[in-house]
Amino acid sequence: MTDDERANAAKSRLAELLPAFLQSAGWTRAEAAEKMETSEAILSEIIAGRVEAVPLATILSGLSAFGEVEIRIRPMHVAITW
């Protein structure tokens, strides 16, 4: 997996959280975009999983509109074959 593929995978996982946050906050996409300091079009792209052109910082700062953002890193499981 390339660095770009890893970055896009991480952004996609973060983007998957947005619909639940929108619902729990009771915000429309327009309200969320305003609070996230982004456009409704970019928010829609993020929610749709089209994150390749969206900077990670945009997603993280957007998520912080809902509260504190905490990211945990887990080691990858590597299979060793002999």
Protein backbone atom coordinates (compact mmCIF):
# COMPACT_ATOMS: atom_id res chain seq x y z
CA MET A 1 0.00 0.00 0.00
CA THR A 2 1.39 3.40 -0.95
CA ASP A 3 1.52 6.41 1.36
CA ASP A 4 -1.31 8.05 -0.59
CA GLU A 5 -3.43 4.93 -0.28
CA ARG A 6 -2.80 4.79 3.47
CA ALA A 7 -3.68 8.48 3.83
CA ASN A 8 -6.88 8.06 1.83
CA ALA A 9 -7.83 5.01 3.89
CA ALA A 10 -7.36 6.99 7.10
CA LYS A 11 -9.37 9.91 5.73
CA SER A 12 -12.14 7.53 4.65
CA ARG A 13 -12.35 6.00 8.12
CA LEU A 14 -12.66 9.46 9.66
CA ALA A 15 -15.23 10.52 7.05
CA GLU A 16 -17.39 7.51 7.97
CA LEU A 17 -17.98 9.15 11.36
CA LEU A 18 -19.60 12.30 10.01
CA PRO A 19 -23.15 11.06 9.31
CA ALA A 20 -23.54 9.79 12.88
CA PHE A 21 -22.19 13.07 14.26
CA LEU A 22 -24.57 15.09 12.07
CA GLN A 23 -27.51 13.03 13.25
CA SER A 24 -26.57 13.18 16.93
CA ALA A 25 -26.06 16.95 16.74
CA GLY A 26 -29.32 17.40 14.81
CA TRP A 27 -27.55 19.57 12.23
CA THR A 28 -28.44 19.88 8.59
CA ARG A 29 -25.58 19.66 6.11
CA ALA A 30 -25.74 23.43 5.70
CA GLU A 31 -25.45 23.98 9.46
CA ALA A 32 -22.66 21.43 9.75
CA ALA A 33 -20.71 22.95 6.86
CA GLU A 34 -20.92 26.37 8.49
CA LYS A 35 -19.78 25.07 11.88
CA MET A 36 -17.03 23.02 10.21
CA GLU A 37 -15.91 26.12 8.28
CA THR A 38 -16.16 24.38 4.94
CA SER A 39 -18.55 24.40 2.02
CA GLU A 40 -21.59 22.18 1.79
CA ALA A 41 -20.14 20.75 -1.43
CA ILE A 42 -16.92 19.65 0.32
CA LEU A 43 -18.91 18.23 3.23
CA SER A 44 -21.00 16.22 0.77
CA GLU A 45 -17.82 14.91 -0.89
CA ILE A 46 -16.44 13.85 2.48
CA ILE A 47 -19.68 12.11 3.50
CA ALA A 48 -19.80 10.34 0.13
CA GLY A 49 -16.30 9.00 0.79
CA ARG A 50 -14.65 10.97 -2.00
CA VAL A 51 -11.80 12.19 0.18
CA GLU A 52 -8.81 11.95 -2.16
CA ALA A 53 -8.74 15.70 -2.88
CA VAL A 54 -9.76 16.77 0.63
CA PRO A 55 -6.86 17.60 2.95
CA LEU A 56 -6.72 15.55 6.15
CA ALA A 57 -6.63 18.82 8.10
CA THR A 58 -10.03 19.77 6.65
CA ILE A 59 -11.56 16.52 7.88
CA LEU A 60 -9.94 16.76 11.32
CA SER A 61 -10.90 20.40 11.84
CA GLY A 62 -14.40 19.55 10.67
CA LEU A 63 -14.72 16.74 13.18
CA SER A 64 -13.50 19.05 15.93
CA ALA A 65 -16.67 21.12 15.40
CA PHE A 66 -18.46 18.26 17.19
CA GLY A 67 -16.08 18.18 20.15
CA GLU A 68 -12.66 16.94 21.08
CA VAL A 69 -10.99 14.72 18.49
CA GLU A 70 -8.93 11.82 19.78
CA ILE A 71 -7.08 9.51 17.42
CA ARG A 72 -5.68 6.15 18.48
CA ILE A 73 -3.07 4.30 16.52
CA ARG A 74 -2.98 0.52 16.74
CA PRO A 75 -0.10 -1.53 15.41
CA MET A 76 -0.85 -3.43 12.24
CA HIS A 77 -0.90 -7.19 12.49
CA VAL A 78 1.77 -8.60 10.26
CA ALA A 79 1.66 -12.24 9.24
CA ILE A 80 5.04 -13.88 9.12
CA THR A 81 5.43 -16.91 6.92
CA TRP A 82 8.43 -19.20 6.79
